[in-house]
Structures are given as structure tokens and as C-alpha cells.
Protein backbone atom coordinates (compact mmCIF):
# COMPACT_ATOMS: atom_id res chain seq x y z
CA UNK A 1 251.48 -40.81 193.27
CA UNK A 2 248.81 -43.31 191.76
CA UNK A 3 247.08 -46.33 193.31
CA UNK A 4 247.45 -44.92 197.07
CA UNK A 5 245.83 -47.54 199.25
CA UNK A 6 244.22 -45.56 202.82
CA UNK A 7 243.22 -47.48 205.58
CA UNK A 8 241.50 -45.40 208.08
CA UNK A 9 238.05 -44.44 206.32
CA UNK A 10 235.05 -44.35 208.13
CA UNK A 11 231.45 -45.16 206.91
CA UNK A 12 228.28 -45.58 208.87
CA UNK A 13 225.08 -48.50 208.29
CA UNK A 14 221.62 -46.67 208.02
CA UNK A 15 220.34 -48.28 211.34
CA UNK A 16 223.04 -47.12 213.21
CA UNK A 17 220.88 -45.04 215.44
CA UNK A 18 218.10 -47.23 216.23
CA UNK A 19 221.22 -50.28 216.95
CA UNK A 20 223.29 -47.39 219.29
CA UNK A 21 225.50 -46.24 216.91
CA UNK A 22 227.11 -43.38 216.08
CA UNK A 23 224.51 -40.25 215.23
CA UNK A 24 226.85 -37.35 213.31
CA UNK A 25 224.90 -34.93 214.93
CA UNK A 26 226.67 -35.57 218.19
CA UNK A 27 229.60 -34.88 216.93
CA UNK A 28 229.00 -31.46 215.24
CA UNK A 29 226.26 -29.45 213.71
CA UNK A 30 225.80 -30.42 210.08
CA UNK A 31 228.31 -28.48 207.60
CA UNK A 32 231.02 -28.21 210.07
CA UNK A 33 232.94 -31.56 209.64
CA UNK A 34 232.95 -31.43 205.13
CA UNK A 35 228.95 -30.56 204.78
CA UNK A 36 226.88 -33.41 205.29
CA UNK A 37 228.80 -35.98 207.75
CA UNK A 38 226.36 -38.09 207.84
CA UNK A 39 225.44 -38.54 203.85
CA UNK A 40 229.04 -38.96 203.53
CA UNK A 41 229.40 -41.84 205.59
CA UNK A 42 226.72 -44.10 204.45
CA UNK A 43 228.13 -43.09 200.84
CA UNK A 44 230.91 -45.48 199.60
CA UNK A 45 229.98 -45.62 195.33
CA UNK A 46 229.10 -42.46 194.68
CA UNK A 47 230.93 -39.62 195.78
CA UNK A 48 233.15 -41.11 197.73
CA UNK A 49 234.53 -43.04 194.65
CA UNK A 50 234.41 -40.40 192.45
CA UNK A 51 237.13 -38.37 194.95
CA UNK A 52 239.45 -41.86 194.93
CA UNK A 53 239.32 -41.58 190.77
CA UNK A 54 239.89 -37.86 190.93
CA UNK A 55 242.78 -38.25 193.64
CA UNK A 56 245.17 -41.60 192.99
CA UNK A 57 243.10 -43.53 195.51
CA UNK A 58 243.24 -46.95 194.11
CA UNK A 59 241.59 -48.95 197.00
CA UNK A 60 239.69 -47.64 200.77
CA UNK A 61 239.75 -50.11 203.43
CA UNK A 62 236.53 -49.31 205.35
CA UNK A 63 235.66 -49.86 208.77
CA UNK A 64 232.61 -48.94 210.84
CA UNK A 65 232.61 -45.34 212.64
CA UNK A 66 233.93 -45.03 216.34
CA UNK A 67 232.98 -45.40 218.76
CA UNK A 68 231.36 -48.79 216.98
CA UNK A 69 230.12 -51.27 219.46
CA UNK A 70 232.68 -50.23 221.84
CA UNK A 71 230.69 -47.51 222.84
CA UNK A 72 228.21 -49.69 223.84
CA UNK A 73 227.94 -50.63 227.77
CA UNK A 74 225.53 -52.56 227.36
CA UNK A 75 226.71 -56.53 226.08
CA UNK A 76 223.81 -57.66 224.06
CA UNK A 77 223.54 -54.68 222.51
CA UNK A 78 227.38 -53.90 221.52
CA UNK A 79 227.37 -57.34 219.72
CA UNK A 80 224.05 -56.87 218.03
CA UNK A 81 225.53 -54.13 216.74
CA UNK A 82 228.82 -55.77 215.47
CA UNK A 83 227.21 -58.42 213.80
CA UNK A 84 224.82 -56.58 211.75
CA UNK A 85 227.50 -54.09 211.25
CA UNK A 86 229.81 -57.11 209.43
CA UNK A 87 226.76 -58.32 207.42
CA UNK A 88 226.46 -55.26 205.81
CA UNK A 89 229.99 -54.23 205.31
CA UNK A 90 230.56 -57.19 203.95
CA UNK A 91 227.70 -56.61 201.58
CA UNK A 92 228.85 -53.15 200.48
CA UNK A 93 232.57 -53.65 199.69
CA UNK A 94 231.87 -56.69 197.32
CA UNK A 95 229.96 -54.67 195.62
CA UNK A 96 233.16 -53.73 194.19
CA UNK A 97 236.00 -55.79 195.77
CA UNK A 98 238.74 -54.45 194.07
CA UNK A 99 238.15 -50.98 195.14
CA UNK A 100 236.76 -51.61 198.48
CA UNK A 101 237.33 -53.85 201.72
CA UNK A 102 236.08 -54.19 205.59
CA UNK A 103 237.73 -53.94 208.77
CA UNK A 104 236.09 -56.46 211.37
CA UNK A 105 233.86 -54.89 213.99
CA UNK A 106 233.70 -56.75 217.38
CA UNK A 107 232.14 -56.13 220.78
CA UNK A 108 234.88 -56.09 223.86
CA UNK A 109 232.82 -57.44 226.59
CA UNK A 110 233.45 -61.12 226.22
CA UNK A 111 236.89 -61.84 224.79
CA UNK A 112 236.22 -65.40 223.60
CA UNK A 113 233.09 -64.05 222.01
CA UNK A 114 235.04 -61.68 220.16
CA UNK A 115 237.52 -63.96 218.81
CA UNK A 116 234.29 -66.11 217.97
CA UNK A 117 232.49 -62.95 215.81
CA UNK A 118 236.56 -62.94 213.95
CA UNK A 119 236.17 -66.27 212.50
CA UNK A 120 232.59 -66.02 211.60
CA UNK A 121 233.74 -62.72 209.88
CA UNK A 122 237.17 -64.32 208.69
CA UNK A 123 235.90 -68.08 207.30
CA UNK A 124 232.13 -67.36 206.67
CA UNK A 125 231.51 -63.60 204.89
CA UNK A 126 233.67 -61.74 202.34
CA UNK A 127 236.14 -58.60 202.21
CA UNK A 128 237.32 -58.29 205.61
CA UNK A 129 240.89 -57.98 205.80
CA UNK A 130 241.86 -56.92 209.22
CA UNK A 131 239.98 -55.59 212.99
CA UNK A 132 238.52 -52.59 214.11
CA UNK A 133 239.10 -51.71 217.98
CA UNK A 134 238.25 -48.18 218.90
CA UNK A 135 239.89 -48.14 222.09
CA UNK A 136 238.43 -49.25 225.41
CA UNK A 137 234.89 -51.07 225.94
CA UNK A 138 232.61 -49.19 227.69
CA UNK A 139 230.78 -51.55 230.28
CA UNK A 140 229.05 -51.34 233.41
CA UNK A 141 225.17 -49.61 234.29
CA UNK A 142 226.36 -46.33 233.89
CA UNK A 143 228.63 -46.93 230.96
CA UNK A 144 231.52 -45.35 233.25
CA UNK A 145 233.43 -48.82 233.13
CA UNK A 146 236.34 -49.30 230.89
CA UNK A 147 237.82 -52.92 229.68
CA UNK A 148 241.18 -52.25 228.53
CA UNK A 149 243.06 -55.65 226.36
CA UNK A 150 245.85 -55.47 228.04
CA UNK A 151 244.69 -57.47 230.46
CA UNK A 152 245.38 -61.15 230.30
CA UNK A 153 241.99 -62.39 229.76
CA UNK A 154 241.82 -61.30 226.37
CA UNK A 155 244.75 -63.59 225.57
CA UNK A 156 242.03 -65.70 224.04
CA UNK A 157 241.16 -63.23 221.21
CA UNK A 158 244.81 -61.79 220.83
CA UNK A 159 245.43 -65.65 220.36
CA UNK A 160 242.35 -66.07 217.46
CA UNK A 161 243.42 -62.24 215.85
CA UNK A 162 247.22 -64.41 215.56
CA UNK A 163 245.99 -67.59 214.19
CA UNK A 164 243.87 -65.85 211.75
CA UNK A 165 246.46 -63.32 210.42
CA UNK A 166 244.43 -60.16 211.06
CA UNK A 167 245.84 -57.19 212.18
CA UNK A 168 243.93 -54.67 214.54
CA UNK A 169 243.63 -51.61 213.74
CA UNK A 170 243.11 -49.33 217.54
CA UNK A 171 241.32 -46.06 216.87
CA UNK A 172 240.31 -43.63 219.11
CA UNK A 173 236.41 -42.80 220.99
CA UNK A 174 234.88 -40.27 223.10
CA UNK A 175 235.75 -40.94 227.02
CA UNK A 176 233.45 -42.16 229.64
CA UNK A 177 230.81 -40.05 230.95
CA UNK A 178 233.05 -40.07 234.21
CA UNK A 179 236.17 -39.34 232.38
CA UNK A 180 234.70 -36.42 230.64
CA UNK A 181 233.23 -34.65 233.70
CA UNK A 182 236.18 -34.81 235.47
CA UNK A 183 239.25 -34.12 232.66
CA UNK A 184 237.17 -32.70 230.00
CA UNK A 185 234.42 -30.10 231.67
CA UNK A 186 235.18 -26.46 230.51
CA UNK A 187 237.99 -27.72 228.06
CA UNK A 188 235.60 -29.41 225.91
CA UNK A 189 237.50 -28.09 222.78
CA UNK A 190 240.47 -30.67 223.97
CA UNK A 191 238.65 -33.86 224.28
CA UNK A 192 238.38 -35.06 220.77
CA UNK A 193 240.89 -34.87 218.05
CA UNK A 194 242.70 -32.18 219.58
CA UNK A 195 244.13 -33.85 222.21
CA UNK A 196 241.99 -36.31 223.94
CA UNK A 197 241.47 -39.10 221.38
CA UNK A 198 245.35 -39.27 220.76
CA UNK A 199 246.50 -39.55 224.62
CA UNK A 200 243.57 -42.10 225.27
CA UNK A 201 244.96 -44.54 221.89
CA UNK A 202 248.38 -43.90 222.84
CA UNK A 203 247.98 -44.81 226.97
CA UNK A 204 245.74 -48.42 225.50
CA UNK A 205 248.93 -49.00 223.56
CA UNK A 206 251.40 -48.52 225.18
CA UNK A 207 249.82 -50.77 227.81
CA UNK A 208 249.06 -53.79 225.30
CA UNK A 209 253.08 -53.79 224.44
CA UNK A 210 254.45 -53.33 227.93
CA UNK A 211 251.81 -56.04 228.96
CA UNK A 212 253.86 -58.56 227.33
CA UNK A 213 250.60 -58.87 224.68
CA UNK A 214 253.46 -59.19 221.57
CA UNK A 215 255.73 -61.34 223.12
CA UNK A 216 253.08 -63.96 223.62
CA UNK A 217 251.59 -63.39 220.30
CA UNK A 218 254.69 -62.59 217.79
CA UNK A 219 252.67 -62.85 214.52
CA UNK A 220 249.82 -59.79 215.88
CA UNK A 221 250.12 -56.65 214.09
CA UNK A 222 248.85 -53.59 215.90
CA UNK A 223 247.92 -50.81 213.11
CA UNK A 224 247.44 -46.92 215.08
CA UNK A 225 246.51 -43.41 212.75
CA UNK A 226 247.03 -40.19 213.01
CA UNK A 227 251.11 -40.06 212.85
CA UNK A 228 251.03 -42.43 215.43
CA UNK A 229 248.94 -40.89 218.07
CA UNK A 230 251.88 -38.84 219.36
CA UNK A 231 254.36 -41.95 220.32
CA UNK A 232 256.89 -41.08 217.67
CA UNK A 233 257.59 -38.14 218.60
CA UNK A 234 258.29 -38.83 222.73
CA UNK A 235 259.85 -42.58 221.58
CA UNK A 236 263.11 -41.18 223.04
CA UNK A 237 261.38 -40.42 226.21
CA UNK A 238 258.95 -43.55 226.47
CA UNK A 239 262.11 -46.30 226.31
CA UNK A 240 264.47 -43.76 228.25
CA UNK A 241 261.85 -43.78 231.23
CA UNK A 242 260.72 -47.62 230.91
CA UNK A 243 263.92 -48.46 233.48
CA UNK A 244 263.58 -51.79 234.11
CA UNK A 245 265.08 -51.53 237.62
CA UNK A 246 262.08 -49.19 238.69
CA UNK A 247 259.84 -51.15 237.13
CA UNK A 248 260.60 -54.93 237.23
CA UNK A 249 256.84 -56.04 237.05
CA UNK A 250 256.64 -54.83 233.76
CA UNK A 251 255.68 -58.04 231.57
CA UNK A 252 257.56 -56.61 228.38
CA UNK A 253 260.55 -58.67 227.01
CA UNK A 254 263.43 -57.37 229.28
CA UNK A 255 265.34 -57.09 225.95
CA UNK A 256 263.40 -55.16 223.92
CA UNK A 257 262.38 -51.61 223.59
CA UNK A 258 259.12 -50.09 222.44
CA UNK A 259 260.61 -49.20 219.12
CA UNK A 260 261.96 -52.38 218.65
CA UNK A 261 258.44 -53.71 217.79
CA UNK A 262 257.88 -51.03 214.93
CA UNK A 263 257.83 -51.94 211.52
CA UNK A 264 257.05 -55.41 212.96
CA UNK A 265 254.15 -55.88 214.78
CA UNK A 266 253.46 -52.39 215.25
CA UNK A 267 252.08 -49.60 212.53
CA UNK A 268 251.21 -45.98 212.27
CA UNK A 269 248.90 -44.59 209.14
CA UNK A 270 248.88 -40.87 208.40
CA UNK A 271 245.38 -40.32 208.62
CA UNK A 272 244.13 -36.74 209.57
CA UNK A 273 247.79 -35.29 210.66
CA UNK A 274 249.00 -34.43 207.50
CA UNK A 275 252.37 -32.84 208.73
CA UNK A 276 255.50 -33.70 206.45
CA UNK A 277 257.56 -32.74 209.27
CA UNK A 278 255.56 -35.13 211.65
CA UNK A 279 256.24 -38.05 208.92
CA UNK A 280 259.88 -37.02 208.57
CA UNK A 281 259.84 -37.54 212.85
CA UNK A 282 258.09 -40.66 212.63
CA UNK A 283 260.64 -41.93 209.91
CA UNK A 284 263.30 -41.53 211.65
CA UNK A 285 261.88 -42.95 214.63
CA UNK A 286 260.36 -46.08 213.64
CA UNK A 287 261.56 -46.17 210.33
CA UNK A 288 259.55 -45.70 206.49
CA UNK A 289 258.52 -49.67 206.94
CA UNK A 290 256.34 -48.78 210.04
CA UNK A 291 254.19 -46.29 208.38
CA UNK A 292 251.39 -46.48 205.91
CA UNK A 293 249.25 -43.59 203.99
CA UNK A 294 245.76 -42.89 205.12
CA UNK A 295 243.55 -40.03 204.74
CA UNK A 296 240.51 -40.11 207.83
CA UNK A 297 237.56 -39.59 205.22
CA UNK A 298 234.97 -37.97 205.77
CA UNK A 299 236.44 -36.46 208.41
CA UNK A 300 239.35 -34.97 206.41
CA UNK A 301 239.36 -34.37 202.68
CA UNK A 302 240.09 -37.02 200.26
CA UNK A 303 241.82 -33.99 197.93
CA UNK A 304 243.61 -32.31 201.26
CA UNK A 305 244.64 -35.44 202.35
CA UNK A 306 246.43 -36.88 198.52
CA UNK A 307 247.50 -33.07 197.38
CA UNK A 308 249.73 -33.03 200.97
CA UNK A 309 250.99 -36.41 199.75
CA UNK A 310 251.31 -36.37 196.13
CA UNK A 311 252.85 -32.74 196.30
CA UNK A 312 254.08 -31.93 199.29
CA UNK A 313 255.87 -34.94 200.79
CA UNK A 314 256.23 -36.34 196.56
CA UNK A 315 259.22 -33.78 196.89
CA UNK A 316 260.54 -34.67 199.82
CA UNK A 317 261.20 -38.57 200.07
CA UNK A 318 262.80 -40.57 197.60
CA UNK A 319 260.39 -42.71 195.43
CA UNK A 320 260.69 -45.80 196.87
CA UNK A 321 260.19 -44.71 200.31
CA UNK A 322 257.26 -42.39 198.69
CA UNK A 323 255.76 -45.85 197.29
CA UNK A 324 256.27 -48.20 200.18
CA UNK A 325 254.20 -45.91 202.47
CA UNK A 326 251.82 -45.10 199.79
CA UNK A 327 251.12 -48.42 199.20
CA UNK A 328 253.54 -51.24 199.60
CA UNK A 329 253.93 -51.48 203.08
CA UNK A 330 249.70 -51.58 202.84
CA UNK A 331 250.09 -55.16 201.23
CA UNK A 332 253.04 -56.27 203.74
CA UNK A 333 250.34 -55.80 206.77
CA UNK A 334 247.41 -56.68 205.34
CA UNK A 335 247.92 -59.63 203.48
CA UNK A 336 244.51 -60.48 202.25
CA UNK A 337 244.79 -57.16 200.28
CA UNK A 338 247.09 -59.28 197.74
CA UNK A 339 246.54 -60.64 194.49
CA UNK A 340 246.12 -64.33 194.86
CA UNK A 341 244.92 -64.41 198.63
CA UNK A 342 240.69 -63.16 197.91
CA UNK A 343 238.87 -61.03 196.08
CA UNK A 344 240.95 -58.04 195.96
CA UNK A 345 243.69 -58.79 193.64
CA UNK A 346 245.96 -55.53 194.99
CA UNK A 347 249.47 -55.99 193.53
CA UNK A 348 252.95 -54.46 194.45
CA UNK A 349 253.87 -51.82 192.03
CA UNK A 350 256.85 -50.41 191.40
CA UNK A 351 257.73 -46.70 191.75
CA UNK A 352 257.18 -45.99 187.87
CA UNK A 353 253.93 -47.49 187.80
CA UNK A 354 252.49 -45.23 190.59
CA UNK A 355 253.92 -42.19 188.55
CA UNK A 356 256.36 -41.58 190.81
CA UNK A 357 260.08 -41.11 189.27
CA UNK A 358 261.95 -42.42 186.45
CA UNK A 359 260.81 -41.49 182.76
CA UNK A 360 257.98 -39.72 182.45
CA UNK A 361 256.31 -40.36 178.83
CA UNK A 362 253.36 -37.80 179.01
CA UNK A 363 253.07 -35.07 175.91
CA UNK A 364 256.45 -37.39 174.65
CA UNK A 365 259.04 -36.64 177.35
CA UNK A 366 261.06 -39.38 177.75
CA UNK A 367 264.49 -37.58 179.28
CA UNK A 368 264.65 -37.91 183.10
CA UNK A 369 265.40 -35.27 184.82
CA UNK A 370 263.48 -32.38 182.27
CA UNK A 371 261.97 -30.32 184.56
CA UNK A 372 261.56 -27.82 181.80
CA UNK A 373 260.15 -28.84 178.47
CA UNK A 374 261.47 -25.97 176.46
CA UNK A 375 265.65 -26.17 175.97
CA UNK A 376 265.89 -22.20 176.00
CA UNK A 377 263.04 -20.39 177.91
CA UNK A 378 262.42 -21.08 181.78
CA UNK A 379 258.47 -21.90 181.44
CA UNK A 380 255.79 -20.27 184.21
CA UNK A 381 254.16 -23.44 185.99
CA UNK A 382 250.59 -23.05 185.38
């Protein structure tokens, strides 16, 4: 499929280490994740763009690599990292705004300050289409305090996000030192992408929903990656076990299930989870309108993610659903991407415009359903 939009794609600033930001060597030795992870994170307009062109990705929405400001327990340091990263993000994406946009990074130590930084980026800078929050905010002198955004004190932030129509992407991050010691010591291989990331993010997302945040702010949109961080697979049991008689104090609307928020206020992406079976499960549980394509570059391969979507998923879904997931839904959720709403100028496209289904015009072929170009002989696919 041509003209895909990818939404969970990481980037870093050159002076990240001096500001307390992500250092690639802290995750894995050089060469383990896609060659030179550090160089890939810094690059936007060279290798990244070349691979986008080669794989039918028209547009990427970039975000500061996790944990970003959420990893800094010091309030002043987290706010400075967010401000510097946002200024540099705007500058970087506006070098080519028809191919790139950014998500606003925020310190979440102070909900009011987070709202003000979001307003600054939304109204004074250019190139932003949403927000990235890397799960909980670290706080406290030892970094072990975890601030979660289902607390009512964060309503001032959610009010701002709603007023600005800024979708909030909740992305994984590493656990605190105390949780790492108590839960993951001796099983570090499970602490990150394998299990720990999803377990922490899905708890946080469900906490926000069941706290009634989406009911108080019905225009707020939340996005999570990695095929929904396990939630679609468990959705029956989640809804079944949120028994209102057992949990009468739960603040979520009493006439709604978790599944009712998907497709209107809650959305998932395919980032880093290239399983057709998992995608079909998600489509069955939450609907095509709640799912958007993403890659998770440079932690995942652009060609790998695109081959999966273009060659395997393409043969499984109807053309309209493929284009909705690959492009159309992103334009509905991230409205600033759309033509006339800013510098990016993206528009909705038909399946034919995305080279999916319909009449094919290549090599003079204009007949729908012409799988084998020779009428009399079966040709071998090269």
C-alpha cells in the first residue's frame, strides 16, 4: 500500500545525555537493535526518509524517544528537557512538513505547567499534531514515586488537551528502580518490550478510563501502540470483571463498557506488533475504526513492518479497511495532519490512490482480477 502514515516513530536530540534524556547504550549494545540505534534516532531526513520512500510511507509523526521527561524525577530538569526537545522537534519537522510532524513532550510533575507547555507548542510553534506521554511520571528524591494521570489533579491537563483537540499517545517506559528490583530482578528479559512495557501501559490506560476521565472530557482522544498493549485480546474479561456491584465507587459511566470508548476516544496502533492474527483479533474486538498503522522505528524495521502490512495484511483485509488502517483513521484522529489545517496538507485517499485493489494500470493491465498476465499459461512469480 502506498501513502501510509506512521504514528509511533522515535527521534532524539543530540544533547539528550546532558539533559538527562535517553542514551541508546543504556538499552542494548550498539548493533543489537537495527545497527546504530543512536544514529538512527538522530536521523530524520536521510536514511529514515529514504526508507520511507522505498516502502510506501508518505508521512511519519515523530516523538522524543522514551522515557523523555517522564524519566526525570527532578521537576525542573523534566520541564527543561521537554521545552528543549519541543523547540528542536518543531525546527526539525518543519524542514520537511509534507513528510513529518511531531508530538509534544511534556513534564507531568505539574499538571498546570504541562497544560501551559502544550499551549505554547500548539499556538506558538509549528508542526505539532498531538502529545506523547511515556507512561507514569517519575518523581521523588529517589525516583521511585510514580505519578499517574487518572488522579483528579490532572483534570486541568485533560481539559487543555480537549480544548486544543490534541490526541494523547501513551507510550511505554522502563520501571522505577524499586519496581525493577522487586518485580524484574532475575527476569530482566521480561521487563521491557516482552511483557513489562505493555503491563504498565495497559494498567495506566485502563486507570484513566475507569477513573472517568473520558466521561468528564468527551472530546479527549487516547492512543496506545503495540496492537493495544494486550487489551484487545483481554477485552472480554476486562469488561466482564468490571462488575459494578463489586466496584460501586468506580467513576467510569455506569452505562458503558471499556470497549465502548474504542473508535471514538481510544485508539491503537500496530507499532512493533506485526502479527496478522493479532490484528484480526483487534479488529473483531474494537473495530477497524480504532486501529492505525505504525512501525516503531528505529526499534523496529521500516521494511519489515511495511512488508507485513503491504503483502500479508493486504491479502487478508478488504481494500477499504486496509486504507482506513494504513491512512484514513490517522487523519480522523490527528486532525492537524489534514489538508487546510496546517503545514502538512494530507488528504484522504481512495484505495486506488493507495495502489490497493481496483483497476491496475501498470504495464497496460486494466482488467480487475487479472492475476496471471498470460491467458494460456500460468506464470511463475519472480
